[in-house]
Amino acid sequence: MNERIRGLMRAWAYLVIGFAVVAGAAYGVRQSGIDFLALTGMQQRAVTPGTGTGSAGGQKSGGAGNTNRGPLPVETTRAKVSEISDDISAIGNLLAEESVAIAPETSGRVAAILFKDGENVKQATELFRLDADLANAALAEAKARLDLAEANYARNQALRKSGNISQSTYDAVATERDLARTAVESALVLLRKLTITAPFSGTLGFRTVSEGAYVTAGTPLVQLDKTDRLKVSFSVPELQQGRIVSGQAVSVIADALPDDSFTATVSALSPSIDVNGRALQVRADLDNTAMRLRPGLLVRIAVKGSPRRAVLVPESAITQRGEAAIVYIVSDGKAREAKVKTGRRLDGKVEIVEGIAEGDEIVTAGAARLSNGAAVEVMSAAAAAE
């Protein structure tokens, strides 16, 4: 009896193991994609009414095996011709029309300062006076020598008329008189140089000395700038030097006054190209009568170019493939690939120099999925986004 029970248990164990092996094999076949029913010859052919085809034909016409996709949805627009200009943009600085560091021509002690810092002054306004005691003494001595020379000359002139002195004596006296006059003029010039005046009308900066300071010739005392007119200094690339000429109007915007635009006129071009930056230096004159701008401000310059007509397309129509720019043109329901040469970029659009013509229908959305000759369906922007 026990032997019979053990036999039944072994049979059940073998049966369970057999079912496990069969189930594992079936799972592995299913995972590998092999049709188990076809291998076992148990596949049933499902005949489609009216076609006479079995399950193989049904698979061929199924969605997973169909490689013929429908038209791809795209959004398009027409290439348009617009009028543009080749403007030049640059960054520059404002300079005073005239600027000088006031300095004495001779050494001396500062006796008086005759202005306030930041004051507007007229030409020839006295700014500094240096101590003039020695200069006045030298002038007085020179004048005394001149008086003596003039008296000697007058006496010798009377003697010459009577023939009582030689010509050489008379000439020596006349020379002494001339030298005395020159000494007086030199003393007057030295005295005038001790009074330092403004060489032109403008605005003063901050003085660097105080009264009583001893200064030497050439020591900067104060800066003087003429700011009712300013110079705009900027440079343009050498490749654009032919597009800017003297007398041309340029637009100037200062970062300090971003809401205001000023107009300047090109006044001079450098005769040579800067070999370091490969650029042409340009100067333009700017009216600053309102005194809203100051020398040293950073400004942005726009030089308007001559207007011309150009084909423009949206930036989204350009597909970069390596170094080549590609645009898809839609014709007869298909997308045709066209290599284009681009020009200027402005306001979200790109100039097409060559490759497409005005009126061509170009793809602006959905180009990433396209290939040359692909069937397309032009849809609205909302449908294309879906």
Protein backbone atom coordinates (compact mmCIF):
# COMPACT_ATOMS: atom_id res chain seq x y z
CA MET A 1 0.00 0.00 0.00
CA ASN A 2 2.77 2.42 0.89
CA GLU A 3 4.57 1.48 -2.27
CA ARG A 4 1.48 2.38 -4.30
CA ILE A 5 1.18 5.78 -2.64
CA ARG A 6 4.85 6.53 -3.30
CA GLY A 7 4.32 5.62 -6.98
CA LEU A 8 1.40 8.00 -7.28
CA MET A 9 3.39 10.80 -5.70
CA ARG A 10 6.31 10.23 -8.10
CA ALA A 11 3.88 10.31 -11.04
CA TRP A 12 2.37 13.61 -9.84
CA ALA A 13 5.88 15.10 -9.42
CA TYR A 14 6.88 14.04 -12.94
CA LEU A 15 3.64 15.48 -14.27
CA VAL A 16 4.20 18.86 -12.53
CA ILE A 17 7.81 19.00 -13.76
CA GLY A 18 6.64 18.20 -17.30
CA PHE A 19 4.05 20.97 -17.25
CA ALA A 20 6.69 23.43 -15.95
CA VAL A 21 9.11 22.52 -18.75
CA VAL A 22 6.44 22.88 -21.42
CA ALA A 23 5.28 26.25 -20.01
CA GLY A 24 8.86 27.57 -19.86
CA ALA A 25 9.52 26.49 -23.44
CA ALA A 26 6.33 28.14 -24.65
CA TYR A 27 7.19 31.40 -22.88
CA GLY A 28 10.68 31.42 -24.41
CA VAL A 29 9.31 30.80 -27.89
CA ARG A 30 6.78 33.61 -27.44
CA GLN A 31 9.48 36.03 -26.30
CA SER A 32 11.67 35.17 -29.29
CA GLY A 33 8.84 35.98 -31.70
CA ILE A 34 8.52 32.43 -33.11
CA ASP A 35 5.02 31.34 -33.99
CA PHE A 36 4.66 28.27 -31.75
CA LEU A 37 1.47 27.19 -33.41
CA ALA A 38 3.12 27.29 -36.82
CA LEU A 39 5.97 25.15 -35.50
CA THR A 40 3.63 22.56 -34.11
CA GLY A 41 1.50 22.58 -37.25
CA MET A 42 -1.53 23.64 -35.21
CA GLN A 43 -2.01 27.07 -36.90
CA GLN A 44 -5.44 27.58 -38.38
CA ARG A 45 -5.78 29.51 -41.63
CA ALA A 46 -8.43 32.18 -41.21
CA VAL A 47 -9.87 32.77 -44.65
CA THR A 48 -11.12 36.26 -45.31
CA PRO A 49 -14.38 36.20 -47.17
CA GLY A 50 -14.08 37.29 -50.78
CA THR A 51 -10.30 37.34 -50.81
CA GLY A 52 -9.22 33.77 -50.47
CA THR A 53 -6.26 34.83 -48.39
CA GLY A 54 -5.25 33.41 -45.09
CA SER A 55 -3.74 34.86 -41.97
CA ALA A 56 -0.45 35.66 -43.76
CA GLY A 57 -2.23 38.08 -46.01
CA GLY A 58 -3.94 39.60 -43.00
CA GLN A 59 -0.59 40.27 -41.40
CA LYS A 60 0.73 41.96 -44.51
CA SER A 61 -2.12 44.40 -44.55
CA GLY A 62 -1.87 45.07 -40.80
CA GLY A 63 -0.68 48.41 -39.32
CA ALA A 64 2.58 47.06 -37.83
CA GLY A 65 3.88 45.78 -41.11
CA ASN A 66 2.77 48.70 -43.27
CA THR A 67 5.76 50.87 -44.30
CA ASN A 68 3.73 53.31 -46.44
CA ARG A 69 2.98 56.22 -44.11
CA GLY A 70 0.43 58.89 -44.94
CA PRO A 71 1.30 62.56 -45.76
CA LEU A 72 3.19 64.36 -43.01
CA PRO A 73 1.48 67.45 -41.55
CA VAL A 74 3.43 70.68 -42.07
CA GLU A 75 2.90 74.40 -41.73
CA THR A 76 3.96 76.62 -44.63
CA THR A 77 4.26 80.22 -45.74
CA ARG A 78 5.14 82.06 -48.94
CA ALA A 79 8.60 83.55 -49.48
CA LYS A 80 8.14 87.31 -49.71
CA VAL A 81 10.25 90.15 -51.08
CA SER A 82 10.73 93.09 -48.71
CA GLU A 83 12.81 96.24 -48.71
CA ILE A 84 15.76 96.12 -46.32
CA SER A 85 18.95 98.11 -45.83
CA ASP A 86 22.48 96.99 -44.98
CA ASP A 87 22.83 98.81 -41.67
CA ILE A 88 26.09 98.86 -39.70
CA SER A 89 25.98 98.53 -35.91
CA ALA A 90 28.92 99.60 -33.76
CA ILE A 91 29.83 100.59 -30.22
CA GLY A 92 31.74 103.79 -29.56
CA ASN A 93 32.53 106.57 -27.11
CA LEU A 94 31.70 110.25 -26.85
CA LEU A 95 34.57 112.73 -26.89
CA ALA A 96 34.59 116.46 -26.21
CA GLU A 97 34.97 118.60 -29.32
CA GLU A 98 37.88 120.33 -27.59
CA SER A 99 39.65 119.16 -24.45
CA VAL A 100 42.78 120.41 -22.72
CA ALA A 101 44.53 120.10 -19.39
CA ILE A 102 45.29 123.68 -18.30
CA ALA A 103 48.95 123.94 -17.25
CA PRO A 104 51.37 126.86 -16.59
CA GLU A 105 54.15 127.63 -19.05
CA THR A 106 56.48 128.73 -16.25
CA SER A 107 57.13 127.80 -12.65
CA GLY A 108 55.77 129.82 -9.76
CA ARG A 109 53.55 129.97 -6.70
CA VAL A 110 49.76 129.99 -7.14
CA ALA A 111 48.64 133.39 -5.90
CA ALA A 112 44.93 133.23 -6.83
CA ILE A 113 42.35 130.76 -8.18
CA LEU A 114 39.60 132.65 -10.01
CA PHE A 115 36.94 129.98 -10.76
CA LYS A 116 34.78 127.31 -9.14
CA ASP A 117 34.93 123.62 -9.94
CA GLY A 118 32.56 122.64 -12.78
CA GLU A 119 32.01 126.24 -13.87
CA ASN A 120 31.24 127.21 -17.46
CA VAL A 121 33.70 129.84 -18.65
CA LYS A 122 34.21 131.94 -21.75
CA GLN A 123 37.36 132.12 -23.82
CA ALA A 124 40.15 134.27 -22.25
CA THR A 125 38.58 134.08 -18.76
CA GLU A 126 41.29 134.30 -16.07
CA LEU A 127 41.63 131.03 -14.17
CA PHE A 128 44.90 131.22 -12.17
CA ARG A 129 47.38 133.89 -11.22
CA LEU A 130 50.92 133.01 -10.24
CA ASP A 131 53.06 135.21 -7.98
CA ALA A 132 54.32 138.10 -10.14
CA ASP A 133 56.70 139.99 -7.80
CA LEU A 134 59.87 138.89 -9.58
CA ALA A 135 58.30 139.44 -12.99
CA ASN A 136 57.22 142.98 -12.06
CA ALA A 137 60.73 143.74 -10.79
CA ALA A 138 62.27 142.44 -14.01
CA LEU A 139 59.84 144.57 -16.01
CA ALA A 140 60.70 147.70 -14.02
CA GLU A 141 64.42 147.10 -14.59
CA ALA A 142 63.88 146.55 -18.29
CA LYS A 143 61.89 149.76 -18.58
CA ALA A 144 64.63 151.74 -16.78
CA ARG A 145 67.25 150.39 -19.16
CA LEU A 146 65.02 151.32 -22.06
CA ASP A 147 64.63 154.89 -20.79
CA LEU A 148 68.42 155.24 -20.57
CA ALA A 149 68.92 153.73 -24.02
CA GLU A 150 66.30 156.06 -25.50
CA ALA A 151 68.04 159.13 -23.96
CA ASN A 152 71.46 158.06 -25.27
CA TYR A 153 70.02 157.45 -28.68
CA ALA A 154 68.43 160.94 -28.76
CA ARG A 155 71.72 162.67 -27.84
CA ASN A 156 73.74 160.69 -30.36
CA GLN A 157 71.17 161.37 -33.04
CA ALA A 158 71.69 165.16 -32.55
CA LEU A 159 75.49 164.73 -32.61
CA ARG A 160 75.27 162.71 -35.79
CA LYS A 161 73.42 165.49 -37.54
CA SER A 162 76.22 167.88 -36.66
CA GLY A 163 78.85 165.32 -37.68
CA ASN A 164 80.50 165.09 -34.26
CA ILE A 165 80.25 161.24 -33.82
CA SER A 166 81.17 158.37 -36.05
CA GLN A 167 78.66 156.12 -37.75
CA SER A 168 79.80 153.09 -35.72
CA THR A 169 79.14 154.89 -32.42
CA TYR A 170 75.70 155.90 -33.58
CA ASP A 171 74.90 152.32 -34.67
CA ALA A 172 75.98 150.91 -31.29
CA VAL A 173 73.68 153.31 -29.43
CA ALA A 174 70.77 152.43 -31.71
CA THR A 175 71.40 148.73 -31.09
CA GLU A 176 71.38 149.24 -27.31
CA ARG A 177 68.02 150.99 -27.61
CA ASP A 178 66.56 148.11 -29.64
CA LEU A 179 67.85 145.55 -27.13
CA ALA A 180 66.28 147.51 -24.27
CA ARG A 181 62.93 147.51 -26.06
CA THR A 182 63.18 143.72 -26.57
CA ALA A 183 63.95 143.24 -22.86
CA VAL A 184 60.79 145.16 -21.93
CA GLU A 185 58.69 143.06 -24.32
CA SER A 186 60.16 139.84 -22.88
CA ALA A 187 59.38 140.98 -19.33
CA LEU A 188 55.80 141.78 -20.36
CA VAL A 189 55.38 138.33 -21.99
CA LEU A 190 56.69 136.61 -18.84
CA LEU A 191 54.31 138.67 -16.72
CA ARG A 192 51.34 137.76 -18.92
CA LYS A 193 52.20 134.05 -18.67
CA LEU A 194 51.77 134.26 -14.91
CA THR A 195 48.06 134.82 -15.55
CA ILE A 196 46.54 131.61 -16.92
CA THR A 197 43.36 132.00 -19.02
CA ALA A 198 40.87 129.67 -20.76
CA PRO A 199 41.96 128.98 -24.36
CA PHE A 200 38.32 128.42 -25.44
CA SER A 201 34.82 128.48 -24.01
CA GLY A 202 33.87 125.32 -22.14
CA THR A 203 33.27 123.60 -18.83
CA LEU A 204 35.95 123.28 -16.16
CA GLY A 205 36.63 120.16 -14.17
CA PHE A 206 38.12 119.91 -10.70
CA ARG A 207 41.24 121.89 -9.85
CA THR A 208 44.23 119.88 -8.66
CA VAL A 209 46.03 122.62 -6.66
CA SER A 210 45.30 125.15 -3.97
CA GLU A 211 46.39 128.74 -3.46
CA GLY A 212 49.97 128.95 -2.24
CA ALA A 213 51.09 125.76 -4.00
CA TYR A 214 54.30 125.92 -6.01
CA VAL A 215 53.88 124.51 -9.50
CA THR A 216 56.34 123.84 -12.26
CA ALA A 217 55.88 124.36 -15.98
CA GLY A 218 53.55 121.72 -17.46
CA THR A 219 51.82 120.74 -14.19
CA PRO A 220 48.10 120.01 -14.95
CA LEU A 221 45.95 122.41 -12.94
CA VAL A 222 42.41 121.79 -14.25
CA GLN A 223 40.65 120.14 -17.20
CA LEU A 224 38.67 122.23 -19.67
CA ASP A 225 36.20 120.58 -22.10
CA LYS A 226 34.05 122.05 -24.84
CA THR A 227 30.88 119.97 -24.63
CA ASP A 228 28.20 121.88 -26.59
CA ARG A 229 29.37 119.76 -29.51
CA LEU A 230 30.69 116.22 -29.12
CA LYS A 231 32.60 113.77 -31.26
CA VAL A 232 31.42 110.18 -31.64
CA SER A 233 34.37 107.82 -32.01
CA PHE A 234 33.72 104.31 -33.33
CA SER A 235 35.09 101.76 -35.77
CA VAL A 236 33.59 99.54 -38.47
CA PRO A 237 34.98 96.26 -39.88
CA GLU A 238 37.23 96.64 -42.87
CA LEU A 239 34.77 94.67 -45.04
CA GLN A 240 32.15 97.38 -44.44
CA GLN A 241 34.38 100.39 -44.98
CA GLY A 242 32.90 101.01 -48.42
CA ARG A 243 29.43 101.52 -46.93
CA ILE A 244 30.29 104.60 -44.85
CA VAL A 245 31.24 108.02 -46.23
CA SER A 246 31.87 111.49 -44.91
CA GLY A 247 28.66 113.47 -44.39
CA GLN A 248 26.55 110.35 -43.74
CA ALA A 249 23.98 110.53 -40.92
CA VAL A 250 24.25 107.99 -38.09
CA SER A 251 21.92 107.21 -35.20
CA VAL A 252 23.39 107.35 -31.69
CA ILE A 253 21.87 105.86 -28.52
CA ALA A 254 23.58 106.20 -25.14
CA ASP A 255 23.17 103.42 -22.58
CA ALA A 256 22.61 106.14 -19.97
CA LEU A 257 19.61 107.46 -21.99
CA PRO A 258 18.18 104.32 -23.64
CA ASP A 259 14.86 105.96 -24.55
CA ASP A 260 16.43 108.81 -26.55
CA SER A 261 18.06 108.72 -29.97
CA PHE A 262 20.49 111.34 -31.29
CA THR A 263 21.71 112.05 -34.81
CA ALA A 264 25.34 112.62 -35.67
CA THR A 265 27.10 113.33 -38.97
CA VAL A 266 30.22 111.49 -40.09
CA SER A 267 32.98 114.10 -40.25
CA ALA A 268 36.17 112.12 -40.84
CA LEU A 269 37.47 108.66 -41.72
CA SER A 270 40.89 107.38 -40.77
CA PRO A 271 43.21 107.22 -43.80
CA SER A 272 44.37 103.72 -42.80
CA ILE A 273 42.94 100.47 -41.42
CA ASP A 274 43.87 99.44 -37.89
CA VAL A 275 46.02 96.33 -38.45
CA ASN A 276 45.28 95.00 -34.96
CA GLY A 277 41.49 95.04 -35.10
CA ARG A 278 41.13 95.08 -38.92
CA ALA A 279 38.77 98.03 -38.57
CA LEU A 280 38.33 101.56 -39.89
CA GLN A 281 38.24 104.35 -37.31
CA VAL A 282 35.39 106.85 -37.79
CA ARG A 283 34.54 110.20 -36.21
CA ALA A 284 31.11 111.87 -36.27
CA ASP A 285 29.95 115.27 -34.97
CA LEU A 286 27.02 115.48 -32.56
CA ASP A 287 25.11 118.62 -31.49
CA ASN A 288 24.89 118.68 -27.67
CA THR A 289 23.47 122.15 -27.15
CA ALA A 290 20.99 120.73 -24.65
CA MET A 291 23.97 119.36 -22.67
CA ARG A 292 22.25 115.99 -22.10
CA LEU A 293 25.32 113.95 -23.06
CA ARG A 294 28.78 113.95 -21.56
CA PRO A 295 32.20 112.97 -22.88
CA GLY A 296 33.14 109.40 -22.06
CA LEU A 297 29.64 107.91 -22.36
CA LEU A 298 29.31 104.53 -24.07
CA VAL A 299 27.06 104.80 -27.13
CA ARG A 300 25.61 102.44 -29.73
CA ILE A 301 25.80 103.57 -33.33
CA ALA A 302 23.59 102.51 -36.24
CA VAL A 303 24.66 103.52 -39.74
CA LYS A 304 21.74 103.29 -42.18
CA GLY A 305 22.60 101.67 -45.48
CA SER A 306 21.04 102.04 -48.92
CA PRO A 307 17.63 100.31 -49.24
CA ARG A 308 17.37 97.19 -51.43
CA ARG A 309 14.88 94.40 -52.13
CA ALA A 310 15.49 90.90 -50.73
CA VAL A 311 13.69 87.56 -50.32
CA LEU A 312 12.88 86.95 -46.63
CA VAL A 313 11.72 83.77 -44.86
CA PRO A 314 11.08 83.00 -41.17
CA GLU A 315 14.05 81.66 -39.22
CA SER A 316 12.06 78.48 -38.49
CA ALA A 317 12.15 77.61 -42.20
CA ILE A 318 15.94 77.14 -42.11
CA THR A 319 17.25 73.66 -41.28
CA GLN A 320 20.98 73.36 -40.65
CA ARG A 321 22.64 70.23 -41.98
CA GLY A 322 26.31 70.53 -41.17
CA GLU A 323 27.48 73.77 -42.80
CA ALA A 324 24.62 73.73 -45.33
CA ALA A 325 21.32 75.58 -44.86
CA ILE A 326 18.25 73.69 -46.11
CA VAL A 327 14.74 74.91 -46.94
CA TYR A 328 11.86 72.59 -47.92
CA ILE A 329 9.69 73.81 -50.79
CA VAL A 330 6.19 72.36 -51.07
CA SER A 331 5.04 71.57 -54.61
CA ASP A 332 2.29 69.18 -55.77
CA GLY A 333 1.86 67.81 -52.26
CA LYS A 334 5.54 66.90 -51.83
CA ALA A 335 8.45 68.53 -50.06
CA ARG A 336 11.47 69.33 -52.19
CA GLU A 337 14.80 69.96 -50.49
CA ALA A 338 16.63 73.14 -51.55
CA LYS A 339 20.07 74.32 -50.41
CA VAL A 340 20.06 78.06 -49.84
CA LYS A 341 22.59 80.81 -49.24
CA THR A 342 21.57 83.06 -46.38
CA GLY A 343 22.29 86.75 -45.87
CA ARG A 344 21.26 89.15 -43.12
CA ARG A 345 19.11 88.18 -40.13
CA LEU A 346 16.60 90.69 -38.79
CA ASP A 347 13.43 90.58 -36.67
CA GLY A 348 13.04 86.79 -36.75
CA LYS A 349 13.57 86.57 -40.50
CA VAL A 350 16.46 85.52 -42.72
CA GLU A 351 17.46 86.90 -46.09
CA ILE A 352 17.82 84.23 -48.80
CA VAL A 353 20.45 85.28 -51.31
CA GLU A 354 19.97 82.27 -53.58
CA GLY A 355 18.10 78.96 -53.59
CA ILE A 356 14.44 80.02 -53.57
CA ALA A 357 12.34 82.66 -55.31
CA GLU A 358 9.54 84.98 -54.35
CA GLY A 359 6.25 83.16 -53.92
CA ASP A 360 7.71 79.70 -53.21
CA GLU A 361 5.71 77.82 -50.57
CA ILE A 362 8.16 76.82 -47.85
CA VAL A 363 7.83 74.68 -44.74
CA THR A 364 8.03 76.59 -41.45
CA ALA A 365 6.95 73.83 -39.03
CA GLY A 366 7.39 70.05 -39.23
CA ALA A 367 10.58 70.12 -41.30
CA ALA A 368 12.45 67.90 -38.80
CA ARG A 369 10.48 64.84 -39.99
CA LEU A 370 10.83 65.53 -43.71
CA SER A 371 13.06 64.07 -46.36
CA ASN A 372 13.46 65.00 -50.00
CA GLY A 373 10.30 64.01 -51.90
CA ALA A 374 8.22 63.21 -48.82
CA ALA A 375 4.44 63.58 -49.15
CA VAL A 376 3.09 66.41 -47.03
CA GLU A 377 -0.24 67.84 -46.03
CA VAL A 378 -0.41 71.59 -45.36
CA MET A 379 -2.28 72.17 -42.15
CA SER A 380 -3.18 75.07 -39.91
CA ALA A 381 -0.76 76.08 -37.18
CA ALA A 382 -2.95 74.44 -34.51
CA ALA A 383 -3.23 71.13 -36.42
CA ALA A 384 0.48 71.04 -37.23
CA ALA A 385 1.29 71.52 -33.54
CA GLU A 386 -0.79 68.44 -32.71
